[in-house]
Amino acid sequence: MRKIINTLKYGDKKVKRSLIIAILAGLVTVAFGVLTFVMSSMLCFFITIMAAFITISLVQTFMIAEGENPTVVAPKVNSSAEDLPYEPTAEIKPVVNRKKSKKELKLDSSAKKAKKKVGKEAKIPESEEIGQEEKIEEQYLKAPEPEESETAVDTQATDNDDEEEPKNTKFKVITADTAASYTKKKIKKTLHKYKVMKDHRMVIVDRCDRLHIYQTPAYVWIQDNQFHILLIEEEPRLLMVPIFRITEISYLKKQPADEENDYKLFKKSTILTDSFRPYLPDYNHSNKTTDLKAYKNLYGIFQGIYFTNNSAKNLFDLLGVDFYVEDKVTTSNKVNIFFKEAYKANIKLRDNILDANGYAESITNILDDMAHSDISHIEFKDTLNLMTKNKLITDEYANHYMDVRNSIRG
């Protein structure tokens, strides 16, 4: 009921219209249903059935319209903020374990040693980070060049979009003066006013052209099957996106960045900026001496809402959806799904979504699944060699899982 009221008050016109028509159709269905029982009329019965089908169709239309136009909810002003936490809660760290066979249990000791080894050696040296994906793509796969906008979801961002100054757009970027006004007490009041759940996360939205968001700190949480995004702009703005609309988190790599002019809000230290500072993007630089530009990697959801790489971990924790990467590696038919999954896990490692232990856990699950798969012995061995060659796993891991595969196949 609260969702219906919020939609009627603050929803888009298209959403409101769909909801009102659906409600009217529902009332007609109920009315003729009552008449069917009172008058025992077959005509009323058939009208009831038809009205019910129409109501269902209208409800589906309403859900689609709502998904395309996230509801912006106005806060309740008469709220108290006593004793409400403003710090983010502990992050969820899901661990997926699969049962091992008796033969595999015998290899547990060597597996632990290998896992420690990959944990130590997994992270790529900083000087090689910007070029690692290109090395895998160009040196070993040599597939056709991808489109520039290959990972965009609902909007196609261009270099010009990245370079636009917010003063010439509809972005309501929070000013330094407003940010300075956010004391601990004001932050508590804001979270209470917008009914931010205790189990929320802090993120930074780098951009969303369609919803006019630009380098904005935000709180995110899930409630009533809706993904809530509370944007801390000049006036806080609450967006709600239906969970069923968010089926994946996409990857937008090497986006042009301006280290001097980006995130000007954070040039000055305040309580608000200091609390969101850990979620600022990491800037990468090319190894090529002719390329002096800075780059950042972004992670997107429905409606082309792109978050910084240091915010992505919180997105994966909350949403639990697949990681979608579209480039020369993931679209190539020269490597199998196991190599692609290890490649994606490596992207997460370098963008601080996974730590060394998390990466080792992901690699363990991938190699364990590959060892139990139906791929041929030659493909299994070639995949391990390719993973080792591209620094996705260590030699110790490759040797261990070669033993696991041999023990399974006998």
Protein backbone atom coordinates (compact mmCIF):
# COMPACT_ATOMS: atom_id res chain seq x y z
CA MET A 1 0.00 0.00 0.00
CA ARG A 2 2.87 2.36 0.83
CA LYS A 3 4.39 1.66 -2.56
CA ILE A 4 1.09 2.53 -4.29
CA ILE A 5 0.79 5.77 -2.31
CA ASN A 6 4.40 6.77 -3.09
CA THR A 7 3.87 6.04 -6.77
CA LEU A 8 0.68 8.14 -6.91
CA LYS A 9 2.42 11.02 -5.12
CA TYR A 10 5.84 11.04 -6.68
CA GLY A 11 5.85 8.68 -9.64
CA ASP A 12 6.29 9.49 -13.30
CA LYS A 13 3.08 10.37 -15.21
CA LYS A 14 3.30 7.20 -17.28
CA VAL A 15 3.64 5.08 -14.14
CA LYS A 16 0.77 6.89 -12.40
CA ARG A 17 -1.50 6.37 -15.39
CA SER A 18 -0.70 2.65 -15.57
CA LEU A 19 -1.30 2.23 -11.84
CA ILE A 20 -4.66 4.08 -11.83
CA ILE A 21 -5.98 2.07 -14.79
CA ALA A 22 -4.84 -1.17 -13.13
CA ILE A 23 -6.61 -0.23 -9.89
CA LEU A 24 -9.84 0.60 -11.75
CA ALA A 25 -9.69 -2.70 -13.64
CA GLY A 26 -9.17 -4.50 -10.34
CA LEU A 27 -12.22 -2.81 -8.82
CA VAL A 28 -14.31 -3.82 -11.85
CA THR A 29 -13.12 -7.41 -11.42
CA VAL A 30 -14.09 -7.46 -7.75
CA ALA A 31 -17.48 -5.83 -8.43
CA PHE A 32 -18.51 -8.33 -11.11
CA GLY A 33 -17.11 -11.16 -8.96
CA VAL A 34 -19.52 -10.17 -6.20
CA LEU A 35 -22.40 -9.91 -8.68
CA THR A 36 -21.59 -13.41 -9.94
CA PHE A 37 -22.13 -14.90 -6.49
CA VAL A 38 -25.18 -12.76 -5.68
CA MET A 39 -27.05 -13.15 -8.99
CA SER A 40 -25.56 -16.49 -10.15
CA SER A 41 -25.21 -14.88 -13.57
CA MET A 42 -23.02 -16.53 -16.19
CA LEU A 43 -22.67 -13.18 -17.95
CA CYS A 44 -21.20 -11.61 -14.81
CA PHE A 45 -18.92 -14.63 -14.44
CA PHE A 46 -17.49 -14.21 -17.95
CA ILE A 47 -17.07 -10.46 -17.43
CA THR A 48 -15.21 -11.19 -14.18
CA ILE A 49 -12.82 -13.55 -15.97
CA MET A 50 -12.17 -11.03 -18.76
CA ALA A 51 -11.66 -8.20 -16.28
CA ALA A 52 -9.21 -10.34 -14.30
CA PHE A 53 -7.08 -10.98 -17.39
CA ILE A 54 -7.15 -7.28 -18.24
CA THR A 55 -6.12 -6.41 -14.67
CA ILE A 56 -3.15 -8.79 -14.82
CA SER A 57 -2.03 -7.29 -18.13
CA LEU A 58 -2.31 -3.77 -16.72
CA VAL A 59 -0.34 -4.69 -13.61
CA GLN A 60 2.44 -6.07 -15.81
CA THR A 61 2.36 -2.85 -17.84
CA PHE A 62 2.64 -0.88 -14.61
CA MET A 63 5.66 -2.92 -13.48
CA ILE A 64 7.39 -2.36 -16.81
CA ALA A 65 6.67 1.37 -16.72
CA GLU A 66 7.92 1.58 -13.14
CA GLY A 67 11.12 -0.23 -14.08
CA GLU A 68 11.79 2.20 -16.90
CA ASN A 69 11.14 5.20 -14.64
CA PRO A 70 12.53 4.64 -11.10
CA THR A 71 10.40 6.29 -8.45
CA VAL A 72 11.83 9.37 -6.78
CA VAL A 73 10.44 9.52 -3.25
CA ALA A 74 10.18 12.70 -1.19
CA PRO A 75 11.25 12.36 2.44
CA LYS A 76 9.06 12.79 5.52
CA VAL A 77 10.11 15.95 7.29
CA ASN A 78 8.74 15.34 10.80
CA SER A 79 11.32 12.74 11.79
CA SER A 80 13.61 12.33 14.74
CA ALA A 81 17.15 11.04 14.37
CA GLU A 82 18.09 9.97 17.86
CA ASP A 83 20.66 7.18 18.22
CA LEU A 84 20.68 6.24 14.54
CA PRO A 85 24.00 5.01 13.14
CA TYR A 86 25.50 6.87 10.22
CA GLU A 87 28.42 4.56 9.62
CA PRO A 88 28.03 1.70 7.11
CA THR A 89 27.40 -1.71 8.59
CA ALA A 90 29.73 -4.66 8.23
CA GLU A 91 30.01 -5.96 4.72
CA ILE A 92 28.60 -9.36 3.82
CA LYS A 93 31.17 -11.86 2.56
CA PRO A 94 29.36 -14.82 1.03
CA VAL A 95 31.43 -17.99 0.68
CA VAL A 96 30.31 -20.82 -1.56
CA ASN A 97 31.67 -24.26 -0.76
CA ARG A 98 31.11 -27.44 -2.71
CA LYS A 99 31.51 -30.98 -1.42
CA LYS A 100 34.68 -32.78 -2.46
CA SER A 101 35.14 -36.40 -3.36
CA LYS A 102 37.17 -38.80 -1.21
CA LYS A 103 40.03 -38.63 -3.69
CA GLU A 104 40.09 -34.85 -3.48
CA LEU A 105 40.18 -34.89 0.31
CA LYS A 106 43.55 -36.60 0.10
CA LEU A 107 44.86 -33.53 -1.73
CA ASP A 108 43.63 -31.00 0.82
CA SER A 109 47.06 -30.46 2.35
CA SER A 110 48.70 -29.54 -0.95
CA ALA A 111 45.63 -27.50 -1.90
CA LYS A 112 46.01 -25.29 1.16
CA LYS A 113 49.66 -24.69 0.34
CA ALA A 114 48.79 -23.82 -3.26
CA LYS A 115 46.02 -21.49 -2.11
CA LYS A 116 48.45 -19.62 0.15
CA LYS A 117 50.85 -19.38 -2.76
CA VAL A 118 48.26 -17.93 -5.14
CA GLY A 119 47.16 -15.52 -2.44
CA LYS A 120 50.69 -14.16 -2.22
CA GLU A 121 51.40 -13.98 -5.92
CA ALA A 122 47.95 -13.24 -7.36
CA LYS A 123 48.03 -9.46 -7.36
CA ILE A 124 49.60 -7.96 -10.47
CA PRO A 125 52.34 -5.35 -9.92
CA GLU A 126 51.01 -1.82 -10.15
CA SER A 127 53.13 -1.00 -13.20
CA GLU A 128 51.43 -3.79 -15.17
CA GLU A 129 47.81 -3.27 -14.10
CA ILE A 130 46.67 -1.03 -16.95
CA GLY A 131 48.06 -3.35 -19.58
CA GLN A 132 47.17 -6.78 -18.23
CA GLU A 133 43.82 -7.14 -20.02
CA GLU A 134 45.31 -5.82 -23.25
CA LYS A 135 48.13 -8.38 -23.02
CA ILE A 136 45.66 -11.23 -22.67
CA GLU A 137 43.52 -9.89 -25.50
CA GLU A 138 46.22 -8.99 -28.01
CA GLN A 139 49.06 -11.45 -27.43
CA TYR A 140 47.10 -14.65 -26.94
CA LEU A 141 43.63 -14.29 -28.43
CA LYS A 142 43.99 -11.80 -31.27
CA ALA A 143 40.24 -11.41 -31.70
CA PRO A 144 38.58 -8.45 -33.52
CA GLU A 145 38.57 -5.10 -31.76
CA PRO A 146 35.44 -4.48 -29.63
CA GLU A 147 33.14 -1.51 -29.95
CA GLU A 148 34.02 1.47 -27.79
CA SER A 149 30.62 1.39 -26.08
CA GLU A 150 30.65 -2.38 -25.69
CA THR A 151 29.70 -2.58 -22.02
CA ALA A 152 27.19 0.26 -21.86
CA VAL A 153 23.80 -0.92 -20.57
CA ASP A 154 21.06 1.56 -21.35
CA THR A 155 23.03 4.62 -22.32
CA GLN A 156 25.95 4.98 -24.75
CA ALA A 157 28.51 7.23 -23.13
CA THR A 158 31.07 9.03 -25.27
CA ASP A 159 34.32 10.74 -24.52
CA ASN A 160 32.54 14.08 -24.84
CA ASP A 161 30.07 13.04 -22.17
CA ASP A 162 32.92 12.36 -19.77
CA GLU A 163 34.43 15.77 -20.41
CA GLU A 164 31.24 17.77 -19.98
CA GLU A 165 31.26 20.27 -17.15
CA PRO A 166 28.37 19.79 -14.74
CA LYS A 167 27.58 23.50 -14.73
CA ASN A 168 26.13 23.20 -18.26
CA THR A 169 23.91 20.21 -17.46
CA LYS A 170 21.00 19.29 -15.24
CA PHE A 171 23.28 17.65 -12.69
CA LYS A 172 22.54 18.79 -9.14
CA VAL A 173 26.05 18.23 -7.83
CA ILE A 174 26.47 18.94 -4.14
CA THR A 175 28.63 22.00 -3.48
CA ALA A 176 31.52 22.19 -1.05
CA ASP A 177 29.54 24.53 1.22
CA THR A 178 26.62 22.11 1.43
CA ALA A 179 28.99 19.20 2.05
CA ALA A 180 30.61 21.15 4.90
CA SER A 181 27.17 21.57 6.51
CA TYR A 182 26.84 17.79 6.93
CA THR A 183 27.73 17.23 10.57
CA LYS A 184 27.32 13.82 12.23
CA LYS A 185 23.93 14.95 13.48
CA LYS A 186 22.77 16.08 10.02
CA ILE A 187 23.91 12.80 8.47
CA LYS A 188 21.90 10.88 11.06
CA LYS A 189 18.84 13.02 10.39
CA THR A 190 19.17 12.56 6.63
CA LEU A 191 19.41 8.78 6.93
CA HIS A 192 16.41 8.72 9.25
CA LYS A 193 14.38 11.08 7.08
CA TYR A 194 14.78 8.78 4.08
CA LYS A 195 14.38 5.61 6.17
CA VAL A 196 17.78 4.23 5.22
CA MET A 197 18.03 0.67 6.50
CA LYS A 198 20.71 -0.32 8.99
CA ASP A 199 22.11 -2.81 6.49
CA HIS A 200 23.08 -0.19 3.92
CA ARG A 201 26.27 0.44 1.96
CA MET A 202 28.17 3.56 0.95
CA VAL A 203 29.08 4.08 -2.71
CA ILE A 204 29.93 6.79 -5.21
CA VAL A 205 27.95 7.08 -8.46
CA ASP A 206 30.39 8.30 -11.08
CA ARG A 207 27.70 9.17 -13.60
CA CYS A 208 24.31 8.42 -15.09
CA ASP A 209 23.43 10.62 -18.04
CA ARG A 210 19.79 9.56 -18.18
CA LEU A 211 19.09 10.35 -14.49
CA HIS A 212 21.41 13.39 -14.39
CA ILE A 213 23.82 12.04 -11.77
CA TYR A 214 27.43 13.21 -11.72
CA GLN A 215 30.17 12.10 -9.28
CA THR A 216 27.79 11.83 -6.36
CA PRO A 217 28.15 10.06 -2.98
CA ALA A 218 25.20 7.79 -2.16
CA TYR A 219 23.80 5.27 0.28
CA VAL A 220 22.34 2.05 -1.16
CA TRP A 221 20.22 -0.70 0.35
CA ILE A 222 17.54 -3.25 -0.55
CA GLN A 223 14.01 -3.07 0.81
CA ASP A 224 10.65 -4.36 -0.44
CA ASN A 225 12.28 -5.86 -3.55
CA GLN A 226 13.58 -2.44 -4.53
CA PHE A 227 17.17 -1.25 -4.84
CA HIS A 228 17.26 2.11 -3.08
CA ILE A 229 19.83 4.76 -3.98
CA LEU A 230 19.95 7.85 -1.76
CA LEU A 231 21.97 10.43 -3.68
CA ILE A 232 23.61 13.13 -1.56
CA GLU A 233 23.14 16.07 -3.91
CA GLU A 234 22.30 19.70 -3.13
CA GLU A 235 18.96 18.24 -2.08
CA PRO A 236 19.07 14.49 -1.32
CA ARG A 237 17.33 12.40 -3.98
CA LEU A 238 16.01 8.88 -3.43
CA LEU A 239 15.76 6.52 -6.41
CA MET A 240 14.16 3.08 -6.32
CA VAL A 241 14.84 0.46 -9.00
CA PRO A 242 12.95 -2.89 -8.95
CA ILE A 243 15.36 -5.69 -8.06
CA PHE A 244 14.14 -7.86 -10.94
CA ARG A 245 15.46 -5.19 -13.32
CA ILE A 246 19.03 -5.60 -12.08
CA THR A 247 20.21 -8.89 -13.57
CA GLU A 248 23.94 -8.16 -13.80
CA ILE A 249 26.73 -5.72 -13.03
CA SER A 250 28.50 -4.58 -16.18
CA TYR A 251 32.08 -3.41 -16.65
CA LEU A 252 33.16 -0.24 -18.41
CA LYS A 253 36.94 -0.17 -18.59
CA LYS A 254 39.49 2.55 -19.33
CA GLN A 255 37.16 5.53 -19.14
CA PRO A 256 39.00 8.83 -19.66
CA ALA A 257 39.50 10.68 -16.37
CA ASP A 258 40.77 14.04 -15.22
CA GLU A 259 42.54 13.64 -11.89
CA GLU A 260 42.82 17.39 -11.36
CA ASN A 261 39.19 18.31 -11.99
CA ASP A 262 37.23 15.16 -11.14
CA TYR A 263 35.53 14.95 -7.75
CA LYS A 264 36.24 18.55 -6.77
CA LEU A 265 33.95 18.04 -3.78
CA PHE A 266 36.64 15.87 -2.18
CA LYS A 267 39.40 18.47 -2.44
CA LYS A 268 38.24 19.79 0.93
CA SER A 269 38.13 17.57 4.00
CA THR A 270 34.72 17.40 5.73
CA ILE A 271 32.92 14.73 7.73
CA LEU A 272 30.89 13.80 4.64
CA THR A 273 33.78 13.72 2.17
CA ASP A 274 36.06 11.85 4.56
CA SER A 275 33.45 9.12 5.08
CA PHE A 276 33.04 8.61 1.31
CA ARG A 277 36.72 9.07 0.39
CA PRO A 278 37.49 5.29 0.37
CA TYR A 279 35.02 4.90 -2.52
CA LEU A 280 36.73 7.33 -4.90
CA PRO A 281 37.94 5.70 -8.13
CA ASP A 282 41.45 4.40 -8.67
CA TYR A 283 43.20 6.09 -11.58
CA ASN A 284 45.32 4.03 -13.95
CA HIS A 285 47.97 5.19 -16.37
CA SER A 286 49.16 3.59 -19.58
CA ASN A 287 52.63 2.10 -19.88
CA LYS A 288 52.97 3.86 -23.24
CA THR A 289 55.09 6.99 -23.00
CA THR A 290 52.95 8.65 -25.68
CA ASP A 291 49.76 8.20 -23.62
CA LEU A 292 49.77 10.48 -20.58
CA LYS A 293 46.01 10.26 -19.93
CA ALA A 294 44.48 8.87 -16.76
CA TYR A 295 41.80 6.18 -16.85
CA LYS A 296 39.25 4.70 -14.46
CA ASN A 297 37.13 1.55 -14.55
CA LEU A 298 33.40 1.78 -13.85
CA TYR A 299 30.73 -0.74 -12.88
CA GLY A 300 27.15 -0.31 -14.07
CA ILE A 301 23.62 -1.48 -13.35
CA PHE A 302 20.20 -0.91 -14.96
CA GLN A 303 19.54 2.54 -16.48
CA GLY A 304 23.26 3.09 -17.13
CA ILE A 305 24.07 3.99 -13.52
CA TYR A 306 27.86 3.66 -13.23
CA PHE A 307 29.72 3.36 -9.93
CA THR A 308 33.42 3.69 -9.11
CA ASN A 309 35.54 0.55 -8.89
CA ASN A 310 35.93 0.98 -5.12
CA SER A 311 32.12 1.02 -4.79
CA ALA A 312 31.63 -2.16 -6.81
CA LYS A 313 32.38 -4.54 -3.92
CA ASN A 314 29.37 -3.19 -2.04
CA LEU A 315 27.20 -3.62 -5.14
CA PHE A 316 28.20 -7.28 -5.52
CA ASP A 317 27.62 -7.89 -1.80
CA LEU A 318 24.13 -6.40 -1.86
CA LEU A 319 22.87 -7.55 -5.25
CA GLY A 320 24.55 -10.93 -5.66
CA VAL A 321 24.18 -10.81 -9.46
CA ASP A 322 26.48 -11.96 -12.27
CA PHE A 323 29.46 -9.97 -13.46
CA TYR A 324 29.09 -9.14 -17.16
CA VAL A 325 32.20 -8.32 -19.19
CA GLU A 326 32.15 -7.92 -22.96
CA ASP A 327 35.53 -7.68 -24.64
CA LYS A 328 37.85 -9.67 -26.90
CA VAL A 329 38.45 -12.29 -24.22
CA THR A 330 34.89 -13.00 -23.11
CA THR A 331 33.52 -13.01 -26.66
CA SER A 332 36.29 -15.22 -28.08
CA ASN A 333 35.63 -18.83 -29.05
CA LYS A 334 39.33 -19.63 -28.57
CA VAL A 335 39.00 -19.99 -24.79
CA ASN A 336 36.43 -21.83 -22.69
CA ILE A 337 34.09 -20.60 -19.96
CA PHE A 338 36.53 -21.52 -17.18
CA PHE A 339 39.28 -19.28 -18.55
CA LYS A 340 36.73 -16.47 -18.98
CA GLU A 341 35.56 -16.79 -15.39
CA ALA A 342 39.14 -16.73 -14.10
CA TYR A 343 39.77 -13.67 -16.29
CA LYS A 344 36.76 -11.89 -14.77
CA ALA A 345 37.88 -12.82 -11.25
CA ASN A 346 41.25 -11.27 -12.06
CA ILE A 347 39.52 -8.02 -13.07
CA LYS A 348 37.79 -8.01 -9.68
CA LEU A 349 41.13 -8.56 -7.95
CA ARG A 350 42.81 -5.61 -9.66
CA ASP A 351 39.83 -3.32 -8.99
CA ASN A 352 39.74 -4.17 -5.26
CA ILE A 353 36.44 -6.00 -5.44
CA LEU A 354 38.21 -9.16 -4.32
CA ASP A 355 41.18 -9.34 -1.96
CA ALA A 356 43.86 -12.03 -2.33
CA ASN A 357 41.87 -14.52 -0.25
CA GLY A 358 38.67 -13.81 -2.15
CA TYR A 359 40.49 -14.24 -5.44
CA ALA A 360 42.01 -17.54 -4.28
CA GLU A 361 38.53 -18.70 -3.25
CA SER A 362 37.09 -17.80 -6.66
CA ILE A 363 39.95 -19.47 -8.53
CA THR A 364 39.60 -22.58 -6.35
CA ASN A 365 35.92 -22.89 -7.22
CA ILE A 366 36.56 -22.31 -10.93
CA LEU A 367 39.35 -24.88 -11.16
CA ASP A 368 37.43 -27.35 -9.03
CA ASP A 369 34.45 -27.07 -11.40
CA MET A 370 36.76 -27.43 -14.39
CA ALA A 371 38.36 -30.55 -12.91
CA HIS A 372 34.92 -32.14 -12.53
CA SER A 373 33.71 -31.03 -15.97
CA ASP A 374 33.49 -33.13 -19.14
CA ILE A 375 36.12 -31.22 -21.10
CA SER A 376 38.92 -33.31 -22.61
CA HIS A 377 42.29 -33.88 -20.96
CA ILE A 378 44.00 -31.81 -23.66
CA GLU A 379 41.62 -28.86 -23.24
CA PHE A 380 42.00 -29.04 -19.45
CA LYS A 381 45.80 -28.95 -19.70
CA ASP A 382 45.80 -26.19 -22.34
CA THR A 383 43.47 -24.07 -20.21
CA LEU A 384 45.74 -24.42 -17.16
CA ASN A 385 48.74 -23.45 -19.29
CA LEU A 386 46.92 -20.41 -20.68
CA MET A 387 45.86 -19.33 -17.19
CA THR A 388 49.44 -19.66 -15.97
CA LYS A 389 50.85 -17.83 -18.98
CA ASN A 390 48.47 -14.91 -18.36
CA LYS A 391 49.25 -14.79 -14.62
CA LEU A 392 45.74 -15.79 -13.61
CA ILE A 393 47.06 -18.68 -11.50
CA THR A 394 50.44 -19.86 -10.24
CA ASP A 395 52.34 -22.97 -11.35
CA GLU A 396 51.57 -24.55 -7.97
CA TYR A 397 47.84 -24.19 -8.55
CA ALA A 398 48.11 -25.59 -12.07
CA ASN A 399 50.10 -28.62 -10.86
CA HIS A 400 47.72 -29.26 -7.98
CA TYR A 401 44.61 -29.24 -10.15
CA MET A 402 46.32 -31.38 -12.74
CA ASP A 403 46.65 -33.94 -9.94
CA VAL A 404 43.01 -33.42 -8.95
CA ARG A 405 41.90 -34.04 -12.53
CA ASN A 406 44.03 -37.18 -12.81
CA SER A 407 42.69 -38.54 -9.52
CA ILE A 408 39.10 -38.02 -10.69
CA ARG A 409 39.65 -39.61 -14.10
CA GLY A 410 41.74 -42.40 -12.61
